[in-house]
Amino acid sequence: MIEAHAPAALFSAAGFFARRLEAHEVPALQALFDANPEYFLAINGRPALPDEAQDEFLERPPASMSYTEQQTLGFYGEEGTLQGMATVVSNLCAPGVWHLTLFLLATRWHGQGVAPAIYQAMENWIKASGSSWLRLGVVIGNTRAERFWTRRGFVEVRRRLGVDTGGRVNDLSVRVKALAGGALDTYFAMVPRDHPESDLP
């Protein structure tokens, strides 16, 4: 059910709309995680922990990485129930570089073209909000995610080895996408930590 004083919709696609999640909605986010354990099983070999949603909502980039704002977005069906989410960070390490921390859609909608449609609407919103580069990390070996992000136009720039993702040590593929044109050399000048030869964590 849509709350009377819920934040305004940011974008919509495929019969879904997105708006910012608020702190009192963390239990609904936890319920989404609990009902759709596939992501957590693939990444960490276990379902979501009881405080998974709270951690996702509160966790922020490390102090060594500057940023402007982190937002947790909820994707809602026409009836107003939470069906997916994303966490986005604006101006991470440099102005115009946004980072997608997590993008999750209820399993019932997989394979129907919903995820690509929602992602594209979100990308358009991110670009309109001032982003010229979008960054994310993909666990190497999570073939479904690797294929999805490759099809969305993301390219690998470096690998981070031995990263604790919350229960398992994984290797990450750091990927970026230019939203307004631009060469990777330009991106590396903005975010040196993502250069293939960087030894920063």
N, C-alpha and C. Protein backbone atom coordinates (compact mmCIF):
# COMPACT_ATOMS: atom_id res chain seq x y z
N MET A 1 0.84 -1.19 0.00
CA MET A 1 0.00 0.00 0.00
C MET A 1 0.88 1.25 0.00
N ILE A 2 0.51 2.25 -0.78
CA ILE A 2 1.27 3.48 -0.86
C ILE A 2 0.97 4.34 0.36
N GLU A 3 2.02 4.80 1.04
CA GLU A 3 1.83 5.62 2.22
C GLU A 3 1.42 7.03 1.83
N ALA A 4 0.58 7.64 2.66
CA ALA A 4 0.04 8.96 2.34
C ALA A 4 1.12 10.01 2.23
N HIS A 5 2.18 9.89 3.04
CA HIS A 5 3.22 10.91 3.05
C HIS A 5 4.55 10.35 2.54
N ALA A 6 4.51 9.37 1.68
CA ALA A 6 5.72 8.79 1.12
C ALA A 6 6.42 9.80 0.22
N PRO A 7 7.75 9.70 0.09
CA PRO A 7 8.48 10.60 -0.81
C PRO A 7 7.98 10.46 -2.25
N ALA A 8 8.18 11.49 -3.03
CA ALA A 8 7.73 11.49 -4.42
C ALA A 8 8.50 10.47 -5.25
N ALA A 9 7.84 9.96 -6.29
CA ALA A 9 8.49 9.03 -7.21
C ALA A 9 9.62 9.74 -7.96
N LEU A 10 10.72 9.03 -8.15
CA LEU A 10 11.89 9.57 -8.85
C LEU A 10 11.89 9.19 -10.32
N PHE A 11 11.42 7.98 -10.61
CA PHE A 11 11.33 7.51 -11.99
C PHE A 11 10.41 6.29 -12.01
N SER A 12 10.01 5.87 -13.19
CA SER A 12 9.13 4.70 -13.32
C SER A 12 9.49 3.94 -14.58
N ALA A 13 9.14 2.65 -14.60
CA ALA A 13 9.39 1.80 -15.76
C ALA A 13 8.68 0.47 -15.57
N ALA A 14 8.16 -0.09 -16.64
CA ALA A 14 7.60 -1.44 -16.67
C ALA A 14 6.54 -1.67 -15.59
N GLY A 15 5.76 -0.64 -15.26
CA GLY A 15 4.73 -0.79 -14.25
C GLY A 15 5.22 -0.63 -12.82
N PHE A 16 6.46 -0.21 -12.65
CA PHE A 16 7.04 0.00 -11.33
C PHE A 16 7.43 1.47 -11.19
N PHE A 17 7.48 1.95 -9.95
CA PHE A 17 8.01 3.28 -9.72
C PHE A 17 9.04 3.22 -8.59
N ALA A 18 9.95 4.17 -8.59
CA ALA A 18 11.02 4.21 -7.60
C ALA A 18 10.88 5.45 -6.74
N ARG A 19 11.11 5.27 -5.46
CA ARG A 19 11.19 6.42 -4.56
C ARG A 19 12.20 6.10 -3.46
N ARG A 20 12.58 7.13 -2.77
CA ARG A 20 13.57 6.97 -1.71
C ARG A 20 12.96 6.25 -0.50
N LEU A 21 13.68 5.26 0.00
CA LEU A 21 13.25 4.56 1.21
C LEU A 21 13.60 5.39 2.44
N GLU A 22 12.74 5.34 3.44
CA GLU A 22 12.98 6.05 4.69
C GLU A 22 13.29 5.05 5.80
N ALA A 23 13.87 5.57 6.88
CA ALA A 23 14.36 4.70 7.95
C ALA A 23 13.28 3.78 8.51
N HIS A 24 12.06 4.25 8.63
CA HIS A 24 11.02 3.42 9.23
C HIS A 24 10.59 2.27 8.30
N GLU A 25 11.10 2.27 7.06
CA GLU A 25 10.74 1.22 6.10
C GLU A 25 11.78 0.10 6.04
N VAL A 26 12.78 0.16 6.90
CA VAL A 26 13.80 -0.89 6.92
C VAL A 26 13.19 -2.28 7.14
N PRO A 27 12.18 -2.46 8.00
CA PRO A 27 11.58 -3.80 8.12
C PRO A 27 11.01 -4.33 6.81
N ALA A 28 10.44 -3.46 5.98
CA ALA A 28 9.94 -3.91 4.67
C ALA A 28 11.09 -4.32 3.78
N LEU A 29 12.22 -3.62 3.90
CA LEU A 29 13.41 -3.99 3.13
C LEU A 29 13.94 -5.34 3.60
N GLN A 30 13.94 -5.57 4.91
CA GLN A 30 14.39 -6.86 5.43
C GLN A 30 13.48 -7.98 4.94
N ALA A 31 12.18 -7.72 4.89
CA ALA A 31 11.24 -8.73 4.40
C ALA A 31 11.51 -9.05 2.93
N LEU A 32 11.88 -8.04 2.15
CA LEU A 32 12.24 -8.27 0.75
C LEU A 32 13.47 -9.16 0.66
N PHE A 33 14.48 -8.86 1.47
CA PHE A 33 15.70 -9.67 1.48
C PHE A 33 15.40 -11.11 1.89
N ASP A 34 14.59 -11.28 2.92
CA ASP A 34 14.28 -12.62 3.43
C ASP A 34 13.51 -13.45 2.40
N ALA A 35 12.62 -12.80 1.67
CA ALA A 35 11.78 -13.51 0.70
C ALA A 35 12.50 -13.80 -0.61
N ASN A 36 13.66 -13.17 -0.80
CA ASN A 36 14.40 -13.33 -2.05
C ASN A 36 15.88 -13.55 -1.74
N PRO A 37 16.22 -14.76 -1.26
CA PRO A 37 17.58 -15.00 -0.76
C PRO A 37 18.62 -15.28 -1.84
N GLU A 38 18.21 -15.34 -3.10
CA GLU A 38 19.14 -15.80 -4.15
C GLU A 38 20.42 -14.98 -4.21
N TYR A 39 20.29 -13.66 -4.14
CA TYR A 39 21.49 -12.81 -4.21
C TYR A 39 22.45 -13.13 -3.07
N PHE A 40 21.94 -13.23 -1.87
CA PHE A 40 22.79 -13.45 -0.70
C PHE A 40 23.41 -14.85 -0.72
N LEU A 41 22.66 -15.82 -1.23
CA LEU A 41 23.22 -17.17 -1.38
C LEU A 41 24.35 -17.17 -2.40
N ALA A 42 24.17 -16.44 -3.50
CA ALA A 42 25.19 -16.41 -4.55
C ALA A 42 26.45 -15.70 -4.10
N ILE A 43 26.30 -14.63 -3.31
CA ILE A 43 27.44 -13.81 -2.92
C ILE A 43 28.12 -14.33 -1.66
N ASN A 44 27.34 -14.71 -0.67
CA ASN A 44 27.91 -15.07 0.63
C ASN A 44 27.61 -16.49 1.08
N GLY A 45 26.87 -17.24 0.25
CA GLY A 45 26.60 -18.62 0.60
C GLY A 45 25.62 -18.80 1.74
N ARG A 46 24.83 -17.78 2.01
CA ARG A 46 23.85 -17.83 3.10
C ARG A 46 22.71 -16.87 2.80
N PRO A 47 21.55 -17.06 3.42
CA PRO A 47 20.47 -16.07 3.26
C PRO A 47 20.85 -14.76 3.94
N ALA A 48 20.01 -13.76 3.77
CA ALA A 48 20.22 -12.48 4.44
C ALA A 48 20.20 -12.65 5.95
N LEU A 49 21.11 -11.95 6.64
CA LEU A 49 21.12 -11.97 8.09
C LEU A 49 19.95 -11.13 8.63
N PRO A 50 19.58 -11.32 9.89
CA PRO A 50 18.44 -10.57 10.45
C PRO A 50 18.60 -9.06 10.41
N ASP A 51 19.85 -8.59 10.42
CA ASP A 51 20.10 -7.14 10.38
C ASP A 51 20.65 -6.68 9.03
N GLU A 52 20.47 -7.49 8.00
CA GLU A 52 21.03 -7.19 6.68
C GLU A 52 20.50 -5.86 6.14
N ALA A 53 19.20 -5.65 6.23
CA ALA A 53 18.61 -4.43 5.69
C ALA A 53 19.07 -3.20 6.46
N GLN A 54 19.14 -3.32 7.77
CA GLN A 54 19.60 -2.19 8.59
C GLN A 54 21.03 -1.82 8.23
N ASP A 55 21.88 -2.83 8.06
CA ASP A 55 23.27 -2.57 7.68
C ASP A 55 23.34 -1.91 6.31
N GLU A 56 22.56 -2.41 5.36
CA GLU A 56 22.57 -1.85 4.01
C GLU A 56 22.09 -0.39 4.04
N PHE A 57 21.12 -0.11 4.86
CA PHE A 57 20.56 1.24 4.93
C PHE A 57 21.53 2.22 5.58
N LEU A 58 22.28 1.76 6.58
CA LEU A 58 23.14 2.65 7.36
C LEU A 58 24.58 2.70 6.89
N GLU A 59 25.05 1.64 6.23
CA GLU A 59 26.47 1.59 5.85
C GLU A 59 26.80 2.71 4.87
N ARG A 60 27.97 3.31 5.04
CA ARG A 60 28.43 4.39 4.19
C ARG A 60 29.83 4.06 3.66
N PRO A 61 30.26 4.73 2.59
CA PRO A 61 31.62 4.51 2.09
C PRO A 61 32.65 4.81 3.17
N PRO A 62 33.85 4.22 3.05
CA PRO A 62 34.90 4.50 4.05
C PRO A 62 35.29 5.97 4.05
N ALA A 63 35.88 6.40 5.16
CA ALA A 63 36.24 7.80 5.32
C ALA A 63 37.22 8.28 4.26
N SER A 64 37.98 7.35 3.69
CA SER A 64 38.98 7.73 2.68
C SER A 64 38.36 8.05 1.32
N MET A 65 37.07 7.79 1.16
CA MET A 65 36.40 8.02 -0.12
C MET A 65 35.33 9.09 0.07
N SER A 66 35.56 10.25 -0.53
CA SER A 66 34.60 11.35 -0.41
C SER A 66 33.33 11.04 -1.20
N TYR A 67 32.22 11.61 -0.76
CA TYR A 67 30.96 11.46 -1.49
C TYR A 67 30.01 12.55 -1.01
N THR A 68 28.92 12.74 -1.78
CA THR A 68 27.94 13.75 -1.42
C THR A 68 26.77 13.17 -0.64
N GLU A 69 26.19 12.10 -1.16
CA GLU A 69 24.98 11.54 -0.54
C GLU A 69 24.83 10.07 -0.92
N GLN A 70 24.28 9.30 -0.01
CA GLN A 70 23.89 7.92 -0.31
C GLN A 70 22.39 7.80 -0.17
N GLN A 71 21.75 7.17 -1.16
CA GLN A 71 20.31 7.01 -1.15
C GLN A 71 19.95 5.53 -1.33
N THR A 72 19.00 5.07 -0.56
CA THR A 72 18.43 3.75 -0.76
C THR A 72 17.09 3.93 -1.46
N LEU A 73 16.97 3.36 -2.64
CA LEU A 73 15.76 3.49 -3.44
C LEU A 73 14.94 2.22 -3.36
N GLY A 74 13.64 2.37 -3.29
CA GLY A 74 12.73 1.23 -3.34
C GLY A 74 12.00 1.20 -4.66
N PHE A 75 11.83 0.00 -5.23
CA PHE A 75 11.06 -0.18 -6.47
C PHE A 75 9.71 -0.79 -6.08
N TYR A 76 8.65 -0.13 -6.46
CA TYR A 76 7.31 -0.53 -6.03
C TYR A 76 6.44 -0.89 -7.22
N GLY A 77 5.64 -1.95 -7.04
CA GLY A 77 4.67 -2.32 -8.05
C GLY A 77 3.48 -1.37 -8.02
N GLU A 78 2.57 -1.56 -8.95
CA GLU A 78 1.42 -0.66 -9.06
C GLU A 78 0.57 -0.67 -7.80
N GLU A 79 0.60 -1.77 -7.06
CA GLU A 79 -0.19 -1.85 -5.83
C GLU A 79 0.55 -1.21 -4.65
N GLY A 80 1.79 -0.77 -4.89
CA GLY A 80 2.54 -0.07 -3.85
C GLY A 80 3.37 -0.93 -2.94
N THR A 81 3.57 -2.21 -3.26
CA THR A 81 4.40 -3.08 -2.43
C THR A 81 5.84 -3.07 -2.94
N LEU A 82 6.76 -3.19 -2.00
CA LEU A 82 8.19 -3.15 -2.31
C LEU A 82 8.60 -4.41 -3.06
N GLN A 83 9.14 -4.25 -4.27
CA GLN A 83 9.52 -5.38 -5.12
C GLN A 83 11.01 -5.41 -5.46
N GLY A 84 11.74 -4.39 -5.05
CA GLY A 84 13.17 -4.34 -5.34
C GLY A 84 13.77 -3.08 -4.75
N MET A 85 15.09 -2.96 -4.88
CA MET A 85 15.77 -1.81 -4.30
C MET A 85 17.12 -1.58 -4.96
N ALA A 86 17.67 -0.42 -4.72
CA ALA A 86 19.03 -0.10 -5.14
C ALA A 86 19.61 0.90 -4.15
N THR A 87 20.92 0.85 -3.97
CA THR A 87 21.61 1.84 -3.16
C THR A 87 22.58 2.58 -4.08
N VAL A 88 22.47 3.89 -4.12
CA VAL A 88 23.32 4.70 -5.00
C VAL A 88 24.04 5.77 -4.18
N VAL A 89 25.29 6.02 -4.56
CA VAL A 89 26.13 7.02 -3.89
C VAL A 89 26.52 8.06 -4.93
N SER A 90 26.29 9.32 -4.62
CA SER A 90 26.61 10.38 -5.58
C SER A 90 27.99 10.98 -5.32
N ASN A 91 28.68 11.30 -6.41
CA ASN A 91 29.97 11.99 -6.36
C ASN A 91 30.98 11.24 -5.50
N LEU A 92 31.09 9.94 -5.73
CA LEU A 92 32.03 9.12 -4.98
C LEU A 92 33.44 9.32 -5.51
N CYS A 93 34.32 9.82 -4.70
CA CYS A 93 35.73 10.07 -5.02
C CYS A 93 35.94 11.27 -5.93
N ALA A 94 34.94 11.61 -6.74
CA ALA A 94 35.08 12.74 -7.67
C ALA A 94 33.70 13.22 -8.09
N PRO A 95 33.55 14.52 -8.38
CA PRO A 95 32.26 15.02 -8.87
C PRO A 95 31.85 14.32 -10.16
N GLY A 96 30.60 13.92 -10.24
CA GLY A 96 30.09 13.29 -11.45
C GLY A 96 30.24 11.79 -11.50
N VAL A 97 30.89 11.20 -10.49
CA VAL A 97 31.04 9.74 -10.43
C VAL A 97 30.05 9.20 -9.41
N TRP A 98 29.08 8.44 -9.87
CA TRP A 98 28.11 7.82 -8.98
C TRP A 98 28.43 6.33 -8.87
N HIS A 99 28.09 5.76 -7.74
CA HIS A 99 28.37 4.34 -7.48
C HIS A 99 27.08 3.61 -7.14
N LEU A 100 26.88 2.47 -7.77
CA LEU A 100 25.73 1.61 -7.50
C LEU A 100 26.19 0.49 -6.58
N THR A 101 25.77 0.56 -5.32
CA THR A 101 26.22 -0.41 -4.33
C THR A 101 25.49 -1.74 -4.45
N LEU A 102 24.18 -1.66 -4.63
CA LEU A 102 23.36 -2.88 -4.71
C LEU A 102 22.15 -2.61 -5.59
N PHE A 103 21.80 -3.60 -6.41
CA PHE A 103 20.61 -3.52 -7.27
C PHE A 103 19.94 -4.88 -7.18
N LEU A 104 18.75 -4.92 -6.60
CA LEU A 104 18.09 -6.20 -6.31
C LEU A 104 16.61 -6.10 -6.68
N LEU A 105 16.13 -7.14 -7.35
CA LEU A 105 14.73 -7.22 -7.75
C LEU A 105 14.18 -8.57 -7.31
N ALA A 106 12.95 -8.59 -6.81
CA ALA A 106 12.33 -9.84 -6.37
C ALA A 106 12.42 -10.90 -7.47
N THR A 107 12.71 -12.12 -7.06
CA THR A 107 12.95 -13.21 -8.00
C THR A 107 11.78 -13.42 -8.96
N ARG A 108 10.57 -13.17 -8.51
CA ARG A 108 9.39 -13.41 -9.36
C ARG A 108 9.43 -12.58 -10.64
N TRP A 109 10.22 -11.50 -10.65
CA TRP A 109 10.28 -10.64 -11.83
C TRP A 109 11.49 -10.91 -12.72
N HIS A 110 12.32 -11.87 -12.33
CA HIS A 110 13.49 -12.18 -13.14
C HIS A 110 13.07 -12.77 -14.49
N GLY A 111 13.84 -12.47 -15.51
CA GLY A 111 13.62 -13.06 -16.83
C GLY A 111 12.44 -12.49 -17.59
N GLN A 112 11.88 -11.37 -17.13
CA GLN A 112 10.72 -10.77 -17.80
C GLN A 112 11.02 -9.40 -18.39
N GLY A 113 12.28 -9.01 -18.36
CA GLY A 113 12.65 -7.70 -18.89
C GLY A 113 12.43 -6.55 -17.92
N VAL A 114 12.02 -6.87 -16.70
CA VAL A 114 11.74 -5.82 -15.72
C VAL A 114 13.03 -5.18 -15.23
N ALA A 115 14.02 -6.01 -14.87
CA ALA A 115 15.27 -5.46 -14.34
C ALA A 115 15.96 -4.53 -15.34
N PRO A 116 16.11 -4.92 -16.62
CA PRO A 116 16.72 -3.98 -17.57
C PRO A 116 15.94 -2.67 -17.70
N ALA A 117 14.61 -2.76 -17.68
CA ALA A 117 13.79 -1.55 -17.82
C ALA A 117 13.96 -0.63 -16.61
N ILE A 118 13.93 -1.21 -15.41
CA ILE A 118 14.11 -0.39 -14.21
C ILE A 118 15.52 0.19 -14.18
N TYR A 119 16.51 -0.65 -14.51
CA TYR A 119 17.88 -0.13 -14.51
C TYR A 119 18.02 1.05 -15.47
N GLN A 120 17.47 0.93 -16.69
CA GLN A 120 17.62 2.00 -17.67
C GLN A 120 16.97 3.29 -17.19
N ALA A 121 15.80 3.17 -16.57
CA ALA A 121 15.13 4.35 -16.02
C ALA A 121 15.97 4.97 -14.90
N MET A 122 16.58 4.12 -14.09
CA MET A 122 17.43 4.61 -13.01
C MET A 122 18.67 5.29 -13.58
N GLU A 123 19.27 4.69 -14.60
CA GLU A 123 20.44 5.31 -15.23
C GLU A 123 20.10 6.68 -15.79
N ASN A 124 18.95 6.79 -16.43
CA ASN A 124 18.52 8.08 -16.97
C ASN A 124 18.36 9.12 -15.86
N TRP A 125 17.80 8.68 -14.74
CA TRP A 125 17.64 9.58 -13.59
C TRP A 125 18.99 9.99 -13.02
N ILE A 126 19.90 9.03 -12.91
CA ILE A 126 21.24 9.32 -12.39
C ILE A 126 21.96 10.31 -13.30
N LYS A 127 21.87 10.10 -14.60
CA LYS A 127 22.50 11.02 -15.55
C LYS A 127 21.89 12.41 -15.44
N ALA A 128 20.57 12.48 -15.37
CA ALA A 128 19.90 13.77 -15.25
C ALA A 128 20.23 14.47 -13.94
N SER A 129 20.68 13.70 -12.95
CA SER A 129 21.04 14.26 -11.64
C SER A 129 22.48 14.76 -11.61
N GLY A 130 23.19 14.62 -12.73
CA GLY A 130 24.54 15.18 -12.81
C GLY A 130 25.67 14.19 -12.94
N SER A 131 25.37 12.92 -13.09
CA SER A 131 26.44 11.93 -13.19
C SER A 131 26.94 11.79 -14.62
N SER A 132 28.26 11.68 -14.76
CA SER A 132 28.86 11.41 -16.06
C SER A 132 29.48 10.01 -16.12
N TRP A 133 29.69 9.41 -14.95
CA TRP A 133 30.23 8.05 -14.86
C TRP A 133 29.45 7.29 -13.80
N LEU A 134 29.18 6.01 -14.08
CA LEU A 134 28.53 5.15 -13.10
C LEU A 134 29.45 3.96 -12.83
N ARG A 135 29.63 3.65 -11.57
CA ARG A 135 30.60 2.66 -11.12
C ARG A 135 29.88 1.60 -10.29
N LEU A 136 30.37 0.36 -10.35
CA LEU A 136 29.84 -0.71 -9.50
C LEU A 136 30.86 -1.82 -9.38
N GLY A 137 30.60 -2.75 -8.48
CA GLY A 137 31.44 -3.92 -8.32
C GLY A 137 30.62 -5.19 -8.50
N VAL A 138 31.19 -6.17 -9.20
CA VAL A 138 30.51 -7.44 -9.45
C VAL A 138 31.39 -8.56 -8.91
N VAL A 139 30.80 -9.46 -8.14
CA VAL A 139 31.55 -10.61 -7.64
C VAL A 139 31.90 -11.52 -8.81
N ILE A 140 33.18 -11.78 -8.98
CA ILE A 140 33.63 -12.65 -10.07
C ILE A 140 33.13 -14.08 -9.81
N GLY A 141 32.49 -14.65 -10.80
CA GLY A 141 31.89 -15.97 -10.65
C GLY A 141 30.38 -15.92 -10.51
N ASN A 142 29.84 -14.73 -10.23
CA ASN A 142 28.39 -14.55 -10.22
C ASN A 142 27.98 -14.28 -11.67
N THR A 143 27.88 -15.36 -12.43
CA THR A 143 27.74 -15.22 -13.89
C THR A 143 26.48 -14.48 -14.31
N ARG A 144 25.40 -14.66 -13.56
CA ARG A 144 24.17 -13.95 -13.91
C ARG A 144 24.39 -12.44 -13.85
N ALA A 145 25.02 -11.99 -12.76
CA ALA A 145 25.29 -10.56 -12.61
C ALA A 145 26.32 -10.08 -13.63
N GLU A 146 27.34 -10.88 -13.86
CA GLU A 146 28.36 -10.48 -14.84
C GLU A 146 27.74 -10.27 -16.21
N ARG A 147 26.87 -11.17 -16.63
CA ARG A 147 26.20 -11.01 -17.93
C ARG A 147 25.30 -9.79 -17.94
N PHE A 148 24.55 -9.60 -16.87
CA PHE A 148 23.60 -8.48 -16.81
C PHE A 148 24.33 -7.15 -16.97
N TRP A 149 25.40 -6.97 -16.22
CA TRP A 149 26.09 -5.67 -16.26
C TRP A 149 26.88 -5.48 -17.54
N THR A 150 27.38 -6.56 -18.11
CA THR A 150 28.04 -6.44 -19.42
C THR A 150 27.04 -5.96 -20.46
N ARG A 151 25.84 -6.51 -20.43
CA ARG A 151 24.79 -6.11 -21.38
C ARG A 151 24.34 -4.67 -21.16
N ARG A 152 24.55 -4.15 -19.97
CA ARG A 152 24.18 -2.76 -19.69
C ARG A 152 25.29 -1.80 -20.11
N GLY A 153 26.41 -2.33 -20.60
CA GLY A 153 27.47 -1.48 -21.12
C GLY A 153 28.60 -1.18 -20.16
N PHE A 154 28.67 -1.88 -19.03
CA PHE A 154 29.75 -1.66 -18.07
C PHE A 154 31.00 -2.44 -18.49
N VAL A 155 32.16 -1.81 -18.31
CA VAL A 155 33.43 -2.45 -18.65
C VAL A 155 34.31 -2.54 -17.40
N GLU A 156 35.05 -3.63 -17.31
CA GLU A 156 35.93 -3.82 -16.16
C GLU A 156 37.15 -2.91 -16.27
N VAL A 157 37.50 -2.27 -15.14
CA VAL A 157 38.69 -1.43 -15.12
C VAL A 157 39.77 -1.99 -14.20
N ARG A 158 39.37 -2.74 -13.19
CA ARG A 158 40.35 -3.37 -12.31
C ARG A 158 39.67 -4.48 -11.53
N ARG A 159 40.49 -5.26 -10.82
CA ARG A 159 39.97 -6.30 -9.94
C ARG A 159 40.49 -6.08 -8.53
N ARG A 160 39.59 -6.30 -7.57
CA ARG A 160 39.96 -6.25 -6.16
C ARG A 160 39.87 -7.68 -5.62
N LEU A 161 40.99 -8.17 -5.12
CA LEU A 161 41.07 -9.56 -4.71
C LEU A 161 40.90 -9.69 -3.20
N GLY A 162 40.24 -10.76 -2.80
CA GLY A 162 40.12 -11.08 -1.38
C GLY A 162 39.30 -10.10 -0.58
N VAL A 163 38.12 -9.73 -1.09
CA VAL A 163 37.26 -8.76 -0.41
C VAL A 163 36.19 -9.50 0.41
N ASP A 164 36.07 -9.16 1.68
CA ASP A 164 35.02 -9.73 2.52
C ASP A 164 33.71 -9.04 2.19
N THR A 165 32.78 -9.77 1.59
CA THR A 165 31.51 -9.18 1.17
C THR A 165 30.39 -9.42 2.18
N GLY A 166 30.76 -9.91 3.37
CA GLY A 166 29.75 -10.09 4.41
C GLY A 166 29.49 -11.54 4.75
N GLY A 167 30.53 -12.34 4.73
CA GLY A 167 30.36 -13.74 5.06
C GLY A 167 31.23 -14.66 4.22
N ARG A 168 31.74 -14.13 3.13
CA ARG A 168 32.61 -14.90 2.24
C ARG A 168 33.63 -13.94 1.64
N VAL A 169 34.84 -14.43 1.40
CA VAL A 169 35.86 -13.62 0.74
C VAL A 169 35.74 -13.84 -0.76
N ASN A 170 35.51 -12.75 -1.49
CA ASN A 170 35.31 -12.82 -2.94
C ASN A 170 36.29 -11.90 -3.66
N ASP A 171 36.46 -12.16 -4.95
CA ASP A 171 37.17 -11.25 -5.83
C ASP A 171 36.14 -10.41 -6.57
N LEU A 172 36.40 -9.11 -6.68
CA LEU A 172 35.44 -8.19 -7.29
C LEU A 172 35.97 -7.63 -8.60
N SER A 173 35.09 -7.54 -9.57
CA SER A 173 35.35 -6.85 -10.83
C SER A 173 34.79 -5.44 -10.70
N VAL A 174 35.67 -4.44 -10.69
CA VAL A 174 35.23 -3.04 -10.63
C VAL A 174 34.92 -2.60 -12.06
N ARG A 175 33.70 -2.14 -12.28
CA ARG A 175 33.25 -1.79 -13.63
C ARG A 175 32.72 -0.36 -13.66
N VAL A 176 32.87 0.27 -14.81
CA VAL A 176 32.35 1.63 -14.97
C VAL A 176 31.65 1.75 -16.32
N LYS A 177 30.81 2.78 -16.40
CA LYS A 177 30.12 3.10 -17.65
C LYS A 177 30.10 4.61 -17.81
N ALA A 178 30.50 5.08 -18.99
CA ALA A 178 30.42 6.51 -19.29
C ALA A 178 28.99 6.86 -19.66
N LEU A 179 28.41 7.81 -18.96
CA LEU A 179 27.02 8.20 -19.22
C LEU A 179 26.91 9.39 -20.15
N ALA A 180 28.03 10.07 -20.38
CA ALA A 180 28.00 11.25 -21.23
C ALA A 180 29.21 11.29 -22.16
N GLY A 181 29.62 10.10 -22.63
CA GLY A 181 30.83 10.04 -23.42
C GLY A 181 32.05 10.16 -22.52
N GLY A 182 33.22 10.09 -23.08
CA GLY A 182 34.43 10.21 -22.27
C GLY A 182 35.26 8.95 -22.32
N ALA A 183 36.58 9.15 -22.30
CA ALA A 183 37.53 8.05 -22.37
C ALA A 183 37.90 7.57 -20.97
N LEU A 184 38.33 6.32 -20.88
CA LEU A 184 38.71 5.78 -19.59
C LEU A 184 39.89 6.54 -18.98
N ASP A 185 40.79 7.06 -19.82
CA ASP A 185 41.91 7.84 -19.28
C ASP A 185 41.39 9.03 -18.48
N THR A 186 40.31 9.63 -18.96
CA THR A 186 39.70 10.74 -18.23
C THR A 186 39.16 10.26 -16.89
N TYR A 187 38.53 9.10 -16.90
CA TYR A 187 38.00 8.54 -15.65
C TYR A 187 39.12 8.24 -14.67
N PHE A 188 40.20 7.63 -15.16
CA PHE A 188 41.31 7.27 -14.27
C PHE A 188 41.94 8.51 -13.65
N ALA A 189 41.95 9.61 -14.39
CA ALA A 189 42.47 10.87 -13.83
C ALA A 189 41.57 11.37 -12.70
N MET A 190 40.27 11.09 -12.82
CA MET A 190 39.31 11.50 -11.79
C MET A 190 39.35 10.56 -10.58
N VAL A 191 39.50 9.26 -10.86
CA VAL A 191 39.45 8.23 -9.80
C VAL A 191 40.68 7.34 -9.94
N PRO A 192 41.85 7.79 -9.49
CA PRO A 192 43.08 7.01 -9.66
C PRO A 192 43.01 5.63 -9.03
N ARG A 193 42.21 5.47 -7.98
CA ARG A 193 42.14 4.17 -7.31
C ARG A 193 41.60 3.08 -8.24
N ASP A 194 40.90 3.44 -9.31
CA ASP A 194 40.33 2.45 -10.21
C ASP A 194 41.22 2.13 -11.40
N HIS A 195 42.41 2.74 -11.45
CA HIS A 195 43.35 2.40 -12.52
C HIS A 195 43.75 0.93 -12.37
N PRO A 196 43.90 0.21 -13.49
CA PRO A 196 44.24 -1.22 -13.40
C PRO A 196 45.50 -1.51 -12.58
N GLU A 197 46.42 -0.55 -12.50
CA GLU A 197 47.66 -0.77 -11.77
C GLU A 197 47.60 -0.26 -10.33
N SER A 198 46.44 0.23 -9.92
CA SER A 198 46.31 0.76 -8.56
C SER A 198 46.36 -0.36 -7.53
N ASP A 199 47.00 -0.07 -6.40
CA ASP A 199 47.02 -1.05 -5.31
C ASP A 199 46.17 -0.58 -4.13
N LEU A 200 45.34 0.45 -4.38
CA LEU A 200 44.44 0.92 -3.33
C LEU A 200 43.32 -0.09 -3.13
N PRO A 201 42.78 -0.19 -1.92
CA PRO A 201 41.72 -1.18 -1.67
C PRO A 201 40.42 -0.83 -2.36
